Amino acid sequence: CIISIITVIITVKDKSAAQSGKWRIPEARLFTYAFLGGA
């Protein structure tokens, strides 16, 4: 549950950053959280 909540937060944050042209979360980090249980 915790890793899933963190993964949702960083995914939404990356979407928001993409829309506003801000710093993005690296894809490697998104996949790391997926591997850790948030896929």
Full PDB file with SEQRES, HELIX, SHEET, SSBOND, CRYST1, ORIGX, SCALE, CONECT and MASTER records, all heavy atoms in Angstrom:
SEQRES   1 A   39  CYS ILE ILE SER ILE ILE THR VAL ILE ILE THR VAL LYS          
SEQRES   2 A   39  ASP LYS SER ALA ALA GLN SER GLY LYS TRP ARG ILE PRO          
SEQRES   3 A   39  GLU ALA ARG LEU PHE THR TYR ALA PHE LEU GLY GLY ALA          
HELIX    1 AA1 ILE A    2  SER A   20  1                                  19    
HELIX    2 AA2 GLU A   27  TYR A   33  1                                   7    
HELIX    3 AA3 ALA A   34  GLY A   38  3                                   5    
CRYST1    1.000    1.000    1.000  90.00  90.00  90.00 P 1           1          
ORIGX1      1.000000  0.000000  0.000000        0.00000                         
ORIGX2      0.000000  1.000000  0.000000        0.00000                         
ORIGX3      0.000000  0.000000  1.000000        0.00000                         
SCALE1      1.000000  0.000000  0.000000        0.00000                         
SCALE2      0.000000  1.000000  0.000000        0.00000                         
SCALE3      0.000000  0.000000  1.000000        0.00000                         
ATOM      1  N   CYS A   1       0.828  -1.216   0.000  1.00  0.00           N  
ATOM      2  CA  CYS A   1       0.000   0.000   0.000  1.00  0.00           C  
ATOM      3  C   CYS A   1       0.857   1.259   0.000  1.00  0.00           C  
ATOM      4  O   CYS A   1       0.591   2.203  -0.756  1.00  0.00           O  
ATOM      5  CB  CYS A   1      -0.938   0.006   1.203  1.00  0.00           C  
ATOM      6  SG  CYS A   1      -2.273  -1.189   1.083  1.00  0.00           S  
ATOM      7  N   ILE A   2       1.887   1.274   0.821  1.00  0.00           N  
ATOM      8  CA  ILE A   2       2.752   2.455   0.905  1.00  0.00           C  
ATOM      9  C   ILE A   2       3.488   2.696  -0.412  1.00  0.00           C  
ATOM     10  O   ILE A   2       3.508   3.822  -0.915  1.00  0.00           O  
ATOM     11  CB  ILE A   2       3.745   2.316   2.078  1.00  0.00           C  
ATOM     12  CG1 ILE A   2       2.989   2.397   3.404  1.00  0.00           C  
ATOM     13  CG2 ILE A   2       4.840   3.375   2.016  1.00  0.00           C  
ATOM     14  CD1 ILE A   2       3.789   1.957   4.615  1.00  0.00           C  
ATOM     15  N   ILE A   3       4.076   1.658  -0.981  1.00  0.00           N  
ATOM     16  CA  ILE A   3       4.822   1.829  -2.235  1.00  0.00           C  
ATOM     17  C   ILE A   3       3.866   2.217  -3.363  1.00  0.00           C  
ATOM     18  O   ILE A   3       4.216   2.997  -4.246  1.00  0.00           O  
ATOM     19  CB  ILE A   3       5.669   0.581  -2.595  1.00  0.00           C  
ATOM     20  CG1 ILE A   3       6.723   0.920  -3.652  1.00  0.00           C  
ATOM     21  CG2 ILE A   3       4.827  -0.563  -3.084  1.00  0.00           C  
ATOM     22  CD1 ILE A   3       7.824   1.809  -3.186  1.00  0.00           C  
ATOM     23  N   SER A   4       2.639   1.716  -3.327  1.00  0.00           N  
ATOM     24  CA  SER A   4       1.650   2.082  -4.343  1.00  0.00           C  
ATOM     25  C   SER A   4       1.259   3.548  -4.236  1.00  0.00           C  
ATOM     26  O   SER A   4       1.158   4.250  -5.250  1.00  0.00           O  
ATOM     27  CB  SER A   4       0.410   1.187  -4.227  1.00  0.00           C  
ATOM     28  OG  SER A   4       0.737  -0.145  -4.536  1.00  0.00           O  
ATOM     29  N   ILE A   5       1.058   4.031  -3.014  1.00  0.00           N  
ATOM     30  CA  ILE A   5       0.703   5.444  -2.809  1.00  0.00           C  
ATOM     31  C   ILE A   5       1.842   6.352  -3.275  1.00  0.00           C  
ATOM     32  O   ILE A   5       1.611   7.351  -3.973  1.00  0.00           O  
ATOM     33  CB  ILE A   5       0.344   5.709  -1.336  1.00  0.00           C  
ATOM     34  CG1 ILE A   5      -0.983   5.023  -0.998  1.00  0.00           C  
ATOM     35  CG2 ILE A   5       0.276   7.199  -1.036  1.00  0.00           C  
ATOM     36  CD1 ILE A   5      -1.289   4.954   0.482  1.00  0.00           C  
ATOM     37  N   ILE A   6       3.071   6.004  -2.912  1.00  0.00           N  
ATOM     38  CA  ILE A   6       4.228   6.795  -3.350  1.00  0.00           C  
ATOM     39  C   ILE A   6       4.315   6.807  -4.874  1.00  0.00           C  
ATOM     40  O   ILE A   6       4.562   7.852  -5.482  1.00  0.00           O  
ATOM     41  CB  ILE A   6       5.531   6.245  -2.728  1.00  0.00           C  
ATOM     42  CG1 ILE A   6       5.528   6.472  -1.215  1.00  0.00           C  
ATOM     43  CG2 ILE A   6       6.764   6.889  -3.367  1.00  0.00           C  
ATOM     44  CD1 ILE A   6       6.631   5.727  -0.481  1.00  0.00           C  
ATOM     45  N   THR A   7       4.088   5.655  -5.486  1.00  0.00           N  
ATOM     46  CA  THR A   7       4.163   5.548  -6.950  1.00  0.00           C  
ATOM     47  C   THR A   7       3.095   6.409  -7.614  1.00  0.00           C  
ATOM     48  O   THR A   7       3.372   7.079  -8.616  1.00  0.00           O  
ATOM     49  CB  THR A   7       4.030   4.075  -7.379  1.00  0.00           C  
ATOM     50  OG1 THR A   7       5.050   3.307  -6.731  1.00  0.00           O  
ATOM     51  CG2 THR A   7       4.181   3.931  -8.874  1.00  0.00           C  
ATOM     52  N   VAL A   8       1.888   6.405  -7.079  1.00  0.00           N  
ATOM     53  CA  VAL A   8       0.818   7.246  -7.630  1.00  0.00           C  
ATOM     54  C   VAL A   8       1.212   8.718  -7.519  1.00  0.00           C  
ATOM     55  O   VAL A   8       1.062   9.485  -8.484  1.00  0.00           O  
ATOM     56  CB  VAL A   8      -0.528   6.970  -6.914  1.00  0.00           C  
ATOM     57  CG1 VAL A   8      -1.552   8.043  -7.248  1.00  0.00           C  
ATOM     58  CG2 VAL A   8      -1.051   5.600  -7.275  1.00  0.00           C  
ATOM     59  N   ILE A   9       1.747   9.117  -6.383  1.00  0.00           N  
ATOM     60  CA  ILE A   9       2.129  10.517  -6.170  1.00  0.00           C  
ATOM     61  C   ILE A   9       3.194  10.946  -7.166  1.00  0.00           C  
ATOM     62  O   ILE A   9       3.068  12.009  -7.792  1.00  0.00           O  
ATOM     63  CB  ILE A   9       2.605  10.737  -4.712  1.00  0.00           C  
ATOM     64  CG1 ILE A   9       1.419  10.623  -3.756  1.00  0.00           C  
ATOM     65  CG2 ILE A   9       3.300  12.082  -4.559  1.00  0.00           C  
ATOM     66  CD1 ILE A   9       1.808  10.544  -2.291  1.00  0.00           C  
ATOM     67  N   ILE A  10       4.230  10.132  -7.357  1.00  0.00           N  
ATOM     68  CA  ILE A  10       5.286  10.561  -8.278  1.00  0.00           C  
ATOM     69  C   ILE A  10       4.821  10.521  -9.725  1.00  0.00           C  
ATOM     70  O   ILE A  10       5.270  11.331 -10.544  1.00  0.00           O  
ATOM     71  CB  ILE A  10       6.607   9.771  -8.088  1.00  0.00           C  
ATOM     72  CG1 ILE A  10       6.453   8.314  -8.471  1.00  0.00           C  
ATOM     73  CG2 ILE A  10       7.147   9.935  -6.695  1.00  0.00           C  
ATOM     74  CD1 ILE A  10       7.769   7.577  -8.627  1.00  0.00           C  
ATOM     75  N   THR A  11       3.903   9.626 -10.053  1.00  0.00           N  
ATOM     76  CA  THR A  11       3.374   9.576 -11.420  1.00  0.00           C  
ATOM     77  C   THR A  11       2.538  10.817 -11.711  1.00  0.00           C  
ATOM     78  O   THR A  11       2.682  11.433 -12.773  1.00  0.00           O  
ATOM     79  CB  THR A  11       2.540   8.294 -11.621  1.00  0.00           C  
ATOM     80  OG1 THR A  11       3.357   7.155 -11.333  1.00  0.00           O  
ATOM     81  CG2 THR A  11       2.030   8.189 -13.043  1.00  0.00           C  
ATOM     82  N   VAL A  12       1.693  11.198 -10.778  1.00  0.00           N  
ATOM     83  CA  VAL A  12       0.874  12.406 -10.946  1.00  0.00           C  
ATOM     84  C   VAL A  12       1.769  13.646 -10.982  1.00  0.00           C  
ATOM     85  O   VAL A  12       1.549  14.557 -11.797  1.00  0.00           O  
ATOM     86  CB  VAL A  12      -0.193  12.507  -9.831  1.00  0.00           C  
ATOM     87  CG1 VAL A  12      -0.885  13.855  -9.853  1.00  0.00           C  
ATOM     88  CG2 VAL A  12      -1.197  11.369  -9.961  1.00  0.00           C  
ATOM     89  N   LYS A  13       2.787  13.664 -10.138  1.00  0.00           N  
ATOM     90  CA  LYS A  13       3.729  14.791 -10.125  1.00  0.00           C  
ATOM     91  C   LYS A  13       4.442  14.909 -11.467  1.00  0.00           C  
ATOM     92  O   LYS A  13       4.628  16.008 -11.990  1.00  0.00           O  
ATOM     93  CB  LYS A  13       4.739  14.616  -8.992  1.00  0.00           C  
ATOM     94  CG  LYS A  13       5.694  15.766  -8.854  1.00  0.00           C  
ATOM     95  CD  LYS A  13       6.627  15.582  -7.674  1.00  0.00           C  
ATOM     96  CE  LYS A  13       7.593  16.757  -7.614  1.00  0.00           C  
ATOM     97  NZ  LYS A  13       8.548  16.641  -6.533  1.00  0.00           N  
ATOM     98  N   ASP A  14       4.833  13.777 -12.055  1.00  0.00           N  
ATOM     99  CA  ASP A  14       5.508  13.804 -13.356  1.00  0.00           C  
ATOM    100  C   ASP A  14       4.566  14.313 -14.449  1.00  0.00           C  
ATOM    101  O   ASP A  14       4.972  15.081 -15.307  1.00  0.00           O  
ATOM    102  CB  ASP A  14       6.049  12.420 -13.724  1.00  0.00           C  
ATOM    103  CG  ASP A  14       6.899  12.460 -14.975  1.00  0.00           C  
ATOM    104  OD1 ASP A  14       7.861  13.267 -15.013  1.00  0.00           O  
ATOM    105  OD2 ASP A  14       6.611  11.708 -15.923  1.00  0.00           O  
ATOM    106  N   LYS A  15       3.311  13.914 -14.394  1.00  0.00           N  
ATOM    107  CA  LYS A  15       2.329  14.397 -15.365  1.00  0.00           C  
ATOM    108  C   LYS A  15       2.168  15.916 -15.234  1.00  0.00           C  
ATOM    109  O   LYS A  15       2.148  16.642 -16.231  1.00  0.00           O  
ATOM    110  CB  LYS A  15       0.985  13.697 -15.142  1.00  0.00           C  
ATOM    111  CG  LYS A  15      -0.189  14.285 -15.895  1.00  0.00           C  
ATOM    112  CD  LYS A  15      -0.160  13.989 -17.367  1.00  0.00           C  
ATOM    113  CE  LYS A  15      -1.431  14.502 -18.037  1.00  0.00           C  
ATOM    114  NZ  LYS A  15      -1.656  13.935 -19.336  1.00  0.00           N  
ATOM    115  N   SER A  16       2.071  16.392 -14.010  1.00  0.00           N  
ATOM    116  CA  SER A  16       1.937  17.827 -13.762  1.00  0.00           C  
ATOM    117  C   SER A  16       3.161  18.584 -14.276  1.00  0.00           C  
ATOM    118  O   SER A  16       3.035  19.642 -14.909  1.00  0.00           O  
ATOM    119  CB  SER A  16       1.745  18.079 -12.269  1.00  0.00           C  
ATOM    120  OG  SER A  16       1.710  19.448 -12.001  1.00  0.00           O  
ATOM    121  N   ALA A  17       4.343  18.044 -14.014  1.00  0.00           N  
ATOM    122  CA  ALA A  17       5.578  18.672 -14.487  1.00  0.00           C  
ATOM    123  C   ALA A  17       5.634  18.683 -16.010  1.00  0.00           C  
ATOM    124  O   ALA A  17       6.086  19.659 -16.612  1.00  0.00           O  
ATOM    125  CB  ALA A  17       6.787  17.940 -13.914  1.00  0.00           C  
ATOM    126  N   ALA A  18       5.162  17.633 -16.632  1.00  0.00           N  
ATOM    127  CA  ALA A  18       5.156  17.559 -18.098  1.00  0.00           C  
ATOM    128  C   ALA A  18       4.258  18.639 -18.691  1.00  0.00           C  
ATOM    129  O   ALA A  18       4.589  19.250 -19.708  1.00  0.00           O  
ATOM    130  CB  ALA A  18       4.690  16.177 -18.553  1.00  0.00           C  
ATOM    131  N   GLN A  19       3.132  18.883 -18.052  1.00  0.00           N  
ATOM    132  CA  GLN A  19       2.189  19.883 -18.555  1.00  0.00           C  
ATOM    133  C   GLN A  19       2.683  21.303 -18.361  1.00  0.00           C  
ATOM    134  O   GLN A  19       2.370  22.188 -19.143  1.00  0.00           O  
ATOM    135  CB  GLN A  19       0.831  19.719 -17.871  1.00  0.00           C  
ATOM    136  CG  GLN A  19       0.113  18.457 -18.285  1.00  0.00           C  
ATOM    137  CD  GLN A  19      -1.163  18.228 -17.502  1.00  0.00           C  
ATOM    138  OE1 GLN A  19      -1.240  18.527 -16.315  1.00  0.00           O  
ATOM    139  NE2 GLN A  19      -2.158  17.673 -18.176  1.00  0.00           N  
ATOM    140  N   SER A  20       3.479  21.517 -17.303  1.00  0.00           N  
ATOM    141  CA  SER A  20       3.931  22.874 -17.016  1.00  0.00           C  
ATOM    142  C   SER A  20       5.378  23.130 -17.439  1.00  0.00           C  
ATOM    143  O   SER A  20       5.906  24.213 -17.189  1.00  0.00           O  
ATOM    144  CB  SER A  20       3.758  23.172 -15.522  1.00  0.00           C  
ATOM    145  OG  SER A  20       4.518  22.273 -14.752  1.00  0.00           O  
ATOM    146  N   GLY A  21       6.005  22.146 -18.062  1.00  0.00           N  
ATOM    147  CA  GLY A  21       7.370  22.326 -18.559  1.00  0.00           C  
ATOM    148  C   GLY A  21       8.424  22.388 -17.468  1.00  0.00           C  
ATOM    149  O   GLY A  21       9.490  22.954 -17.658  1.00  0.00           O  
ATOM    150  N   LYS A  22       8.132  21.813 -16.328  1.00  0.00           N  
ATOM    151  CA  LYS A  22       9.074  21.817 -15.208  1.00  0.00           C  
ATOM    152  C   LYS A  22       9.932  20.564 -15.227  1.00  0.00           C  
ATOM    153  O   LYS A  22       9.786  19.702 -16.090  1.00  0.00           O  
ATOM    154  CB  LYS A  22       8.316  21.922 -13.884  1.00  0.00           C  
ATOM    155  CG  LYS A  22       7.592  23.238 -13.707  1.00  0.00           C  
ATOM    156  CD  LYS A  22       6.903  23.304 -12.377  1.00  0.00           C  
ATOM    157  CE  LYS A  22       6.198  24.650 -12.232  1.00  0.00           C  
ATOM    158  NZ  LYS A  22       5.408  24.729 -11.025  1.00  0.00           N  
ATOM    159  N   TRP A  23      10.812  20.452 -14.207  1.00  0.00           N  
ATOM    160  CA  TRP A  23      11.698  19.306 -14.069  1.00  0.00           C  
ATOM    161  C   TRP A  23      10.878  18.029 -13.982  1.00  0.00           C  
ATOM    162  O   TRP A  23       9.910  17.959 -13.237  1.00  0.00           O  
ATOM    163  CB  TRP A  23      12.558  19.470 -12.820  1.00  0.00           C  
ATOM    164  CG  TRP A  23      13.446  18.309 -12.555  1.00  0.00           C  
ATOM    165  CD1 TRP A  23      14.660  18.085 -13.106  1.00  0.00           C  
ATOM    166  CD2 TRP A  23      13.194  17.210 -11.674  1.00  0.00           C  
ATOM    167  NE1 TRP A  23      15.187  16.915 -12.631  1.00  0.00           N  
ATOM    168  CE2 TRP A  23      14.300  16.354 -11.743  1.00  0.00           C  
ATOM    169  CE3 TRP A  23      12.150  16.861 -10.844  1.00  0.00           C  
ATOM    170  CZ2 TRP A  23      14.385  15.179 -11.017  1.00  0.00           C  
ATOM    171  CZ3 TRP A  23      12.234  15.693 -10.111  1.00  0.00           C  
ATOM    172  CH2 TRP A  23      13.348  14.883 -10.212  1.00  0.00           C  
ATOM    173  N   ARG A  24      11.274  17.013 -14.761  1.00  0.00           N  
ATOM    174  CA  ARG A  24      10.544  15.742 -14.829  1.00  0.00           C  
ATOM    175  C   ARG A  24      11.192  14.681 -13.973  1.00  0.00           C  
ATOM    176  O   ARG A  24      12.379  14.714 -13.699  1.00  0.00           O  
ATOM    177  CB  ARG A  24      10.516  15.238 -16.274  1.00  0.00           C  
ATOM    178  CG  ARG A  24       9.925  16.191 -17.288  1.00  0.00           C  
ATOM    179  CD  ARG A  24       8.423  16.249 -17.212  1.00  0.00           C  
ATOM    180  NE  ARG A  24       7.805  14.957 -17.364  1.00  0.00           N  
ATOM    181  CZ  ARG A  24       7.552  14.367 -18.536  1.00  0.00           C  
ATOM    182  NH1 ARG A  24       7.859  14.962 -19.666  1.00  0.00           N  
ATOM    183  NH2 ARG A  24       6.977  13.179 -18.575  1.00  0.00           N  
ATOM    184  N   ILE A  25      10.419  13.734 -13.568  1.00  0.00           N  
ATOM    185  CA  ILE A  25      10.930  12.574 -12.839  1.00  0.00           C  
ATOM    186  C   ILE A  25      11.495  11.611 -13.881  1.00  0.00           C  
ATOM    187  O   ILE A  25      10.808  11.259 -14.846  1.00  0.00           O  
ATOM    188  CB  ILE A  25       9.814  11.910 -12.013  1.00  0.00           C  
ATOM    189  CG1 ILE A  25       9.357  12.883 -10.923  1.00  0.00           C  
ATOM    190  CG2 ILE A  25      10.286  10.584 -11.420  1.00  0.00           C  
ATOM    191  CD1 ILE A  25       8.132  12.472 -10.178  1.00  0.00           C  
ATOM    192  N   PRO A  26      12.750  11.189 -13.713  1.00  0.00           N  
ATOM    193  CA  PRO A  26      13.354  10.290 -14.704  1.00  0.00           C  
ATOM    194  C   PRO A  26      12.562   8.982 -14.839  1.00  0.00           C  
ATOM    195  O   PRO A  26      12.038   8.445 -13.859  1.00  0.00           O  
ATOM    196  CB  PRO A  26      14.748  10.018 -14.137  1.00  0.00           C  
ATOM    197  CG  PRO A  26      15.010  11.134 -13.185  1.00  0.00           C  
ATOM    198  CD  PRO A  26      13.672  11.538 -12.636  1.00  0.00           C  
ATOM    199  N   GLU A  27      12.504   8.475 -16.078  1.00  0.00           N  
ATOM    200  CA  GLU A  27      11.792   7.226 -16.319  1.00  0.00           C  
ATOM    201  C   GLU A  27      12.389   6.090 -15.499  1.00  0.00           C  
ATOM    202  O   GLU A  27      11.662   5.211 -15.032  1.00  0.00           O  
ATOM    203  CB  GLU A  27      11.806   6.881 -17.811  1.00  0.00           C  
ATOM    204  CG  GLU A  27      10.922   7.791 -18.622  1.00  0.00           C  
ATOM    205  CD  GLU A  27      10.828   7.389 -20.087  1.00  0.00           C  
ATOM    206  OE1 GLU A  27      11.518   6.429 -20.509  1.00  0.00           O  
ATOM    207  OE2 GLU A  27      10.044   8.039 -20.802  1.00  0.00           O  
ATOM    208  N   ALA A  28      13.697   6.110 -15.301  1.00  0.00           N  
ATOM    209  CA  ALA A  28      14.343   5.070 -14.498  1.00  0.00           C  
ATOM    210  C   ALA A  28      13.782   5.050 -13.078  1.00  0.00           C  
ATOM    211  O   ALA A  28      13.599   3.983 -12.488  1.00  0.00           O  
ATOM    212  CB  ALA A  28      15.854   5.273 -14.471  1.00  0.00           C  
ATOM    213  N   ARG A  29      13.481   6.217 -12.524  1.00  0.00           N  
ATOM    214  CA  ARG A  29      12.911   6.275 -11.172  1.00  0.00           C  
ATOM    215  C   ARG A  29      11.492   5.728 -11.174  1.00  0.00           C  
ATOM    216  O   ARG A  29      11.094   5.020 -10.247  1.00  0.00           O  
ATOM    217  CB  ARG A  29      12.930   7.699 -10.635  1.00  0.00           C  
ATOM    218  CG  ARG A  29      12.433   7.750  -9.192  1.00  0.00           C  
ATOM    219  CD  ARG A  29      12.716   9.046  -8.496  1.00  0.00           C  
ATOM    220  NE  ARG A  29      14.147   9.312  -8.486  1.00  0.00           N  
ATOM    221  CZ  ARG A  29      14.672  10.525  -8.561  1.00  0.00           C  
ATOM    222  NH1 ARG A  29      13.887  11.572  -8.639  1.00  0.00           N  
ATOM    223  NH2 ARG A  29      15.973  10.692  -8.548  1.00  0.00           N  
ATOM    224  N   LEU A  30      10.721   6.056 -12.211  1.00  0.00           N  
ATOM    225  CA  LEU A  30       9.363   5.520 -12.308  1.00  0.00           C  
ATOM    226  C   LEU A  30       9.405   3.991 -12.375  1.00  0.00           C  
ATOM    227  O   LEU A  30       8.606   3.307 -11.720  1.00  0.00           O  
ATOM    228  CB  LEU A  30       8.642   6.094 -13.526  1.00  0.00           C  
ATOM    229  CG  LEU A  30       8.328   7.597 -13.487  1.00  0.00           C  
ATOM    230  CD1 LEU A  30       7.812   8.070 -14.838  1.00  0.00           C  
ATOM    231  CD2 LEU A  30       7.326   7.911 -12.391  1.00  0.00           C  
ATOM    232  N   PHE A  31      10.336   3.455 -13.149  1.00  0.00           N  
ATOM    233  CA  PHE A  31      10.464   1.996 -13.234  1.00  0.00           C  
ATOM    234  C   PHE A  31      10.990   1.396 -11.932  1.00  0.00           C  
ATOM    235  O   PHE A  31      10.611   0.287 -11.563  1.00  0.00           O  
ATOM    236  CB  PHE A  31      11.363   1.587 -14.408  1.00  0.00           C  
ATOM    237  CG  PHE A  31      10.614   1.419 -15.693  1.00  0.00           C  
ATOM    238  CD1 PHE A  31      10.816   2.284 -16.744  1.00  0.00           C  
ATOM    239  CD2 PHE A  31       9.701   0.393 -15.862  1.00  0.00           C  
ATOM    240  CE1 PHE A  31      10.127   2.143 -17.939  1.00  0.00           C  
ATOM    241  CE2 PHE A  31       8.991   0.231 -17.041  1.00  0.00           C  
ATOM    242  CZ  PHE A  31       9.211   1.109 -18.080  1.00  0.00           C  
ATOM    243  N   THR A  32      11.831   2.119 -11.225  1.00  0.00           N  
ATOM    244  CA  THR A  32      12.335   1.620  -9.941  1.00  0.00           C  
ATOM    245  C   THR A  32      11.174   1.414  -8.975  1.00  0.00           C  
ATOM    246  O   THR A  32      11.069   0.360  -8.329  1.00  0.00           O  
ATOM    247  CB  THR A  32      13.365   2.597  -9.337  1.00  0.00           C  
ATOM    248  OG1 THR A  32      14.480   2.695 -10.219  1.00  0.00           O  
ATOM    249  CG2 THR A  32      13.827   2.129  -7.965  1.00  0.00           C  
ATOM    250  N   TYR A  33      10.292   2.395  -8.882  1.00  0.00           N  
ATOM    251  CA  TYR A  33       9.134   2.253  -8.008  1.00  0.00           C  
ATOM    252  C   TYR A  33       8.210   1.132  -8.484  1.00  0.00           C  
ATOM    253  O   TYR A  33       7.596   0.434  -7.673  1.00  0.00           O  
ATOM    254  CB  TYR A  33       8.382   3.574  -7.868  1.00  0.00           C  
ATOM    255  CG  TYR A  33       9.042   4.508  -6.895  1.00  0.00           C  
ATOM    256  CD1 TYR A  33       9.915   5.495  -7.333  1.00  0.00           C  
ATOM    257  CD2 TYR A  33       8.821   4.379  -5.537  1.00  0.00           C  
ATOM    258  CE1 TYR A  33      10.550   6.343  -6.435  1.00  0.00           C  
ATOM    259  CE2 TYR A  33       9.447   5.221  -4.629  1.00  0.00           C  
ATOM    260  CZ  TYR A  33      10.310   6.198  -5.085  1.00  0.00           C  
ATOM    261  OH  TYR A  33      10.930   7.026  -4.188  1.00  0.00           O  
ATOM    262  N   ALA A  34       8.117   0.955  -9.797  1.00  0.00           N  
ATOM    263  CA  ALA A  34       7.319  -0.154 -10.334  1.00  0.00           C  
ATOM    264  C   ALA A  34       7.912  -1.491  -9.891  1.00  0.00           C  
ATOM    265  O   ALA A  34       7.196  -2.377  -9.411  1.00  0.00           O  
ATOM    266  CB  ALA A  34       7.264  -0.070 -11.860  1.00  0.00           C  
ATOM    267  N   PHE A  35       9.228  -1.644 -10.023  1.00  0.00           N  
ATOM    268  CA  PHE A  35       9.892  -2.881  -9.607  1.00  0.00           C  
ATOM    269  C   PHE A  35       9.758  -3.122  -8.111  1.00  0.00           C  
ATOM    270  O   PHE A  35       9.685  -4.260  -7.662  1.00  0.00           O  
ATOM    271  CB  PHE A  35      11.372  -2.873  -9.989  1.00  0.00           C  
ATOM    272  CG  PHE A  35      11.640  -3.293 -11.405  1.00  0.00           C  
ATOM    273  CD1 PHE A  35      12.135  -2.383 -12.322  1.00  0.00           C  
ATOM    274  CD2 PHE A  35      11.401  -4.592 -11.823  1.00  0.00           C  
ATOM    275  CE1 PHE A  35      12.385  -2.755 -13.626  1.00  0.00           C  
ATOM    276  CE2 PHE A  35      11.629  -4.976 -13.133  1.00  0.00           C  
ATOM    277  CZ  PHE A  35      12.130  -4.060 -14.038  1.00  0.00           C  
ATOM    278  N   LEU A  36       9.744  -2.050  -7.337  1.00  0.00           N  
ATOM    279  CA  LEU A  36       9.641  -2.178  -5.878  1.00  0.00           C  
ATOM    280  C   LEU A  36       8.235  -2.553  -5.407  1.00  0.00           C  
ATOM    281  O   LEU A  36       8.011  -2.754  -4.217  1.00  0.00           O  
ATOM    282  CB  LEU A  36      10.092  -0.889  -5.199  1.00  0.00           C  
ATOM    283  CG  LEU A  36      11.573  -0.560  -5.327  1.00  0.00           C  
ATOM    284  CD1 LEU A  36      11.877   0.810  -4.743  1.00  0.00           C  
ATOM    285  CD2 LEU A  36      12.429  -1.634  -4.651  1.00  0.00           C  
ATOM    286  N   GLY A  37       7.287  -2.633  -6.332  1.00  0.00           N  
ATOM    287  CA  GLY A  37       5.937  -3.060  -5.975  1.00  0.00           C  
ATOM    288  C   GLY A  37       4.826  -2.148  -6.443  1.00  0.00           C  
ATOM    289  O   GLY A  37       3.654  -2.451  -6.245  1.00  0.00           O  
ATOM    290  N   GLY A  38       5.162  -1.034  -7.080  1.00  0.00           N  
ATOM    291  CA  GLY A  38       4.144  -0.077  -7.484  1.00  0.00           C  
ATOM    292  C   GLY A  38       3.694  -0.186  -8.933  1.00  0.00           C  
ATOM    293  O   GLY A  38       3.027   0.712  -9.438  1.00  0.00           O  
ATOM    294  N   ALA A  39       4.019  -1.290  -9.595  1.00  0.00           N  
ATOM    295  CA  ALA A  39       3.716  -1.410 -11.023  1.00  0.00           C  
ATOM    296  C   ALA A  39       2.225  -1.318 -11.323  1.00  0.00           C  
ATOM    297  O   ALA A  39       1.812  -0.606 -12.249  1.00  0.00           O  
ATOM    298  CB  ALA A  39       4.288  -2.713 -11.586  1.00  0.00           C  
TER     299      ALA A  39                                                      
MASTER        0    0    0    3    0    0    0    6  298    1    0    3          
END                                                                             
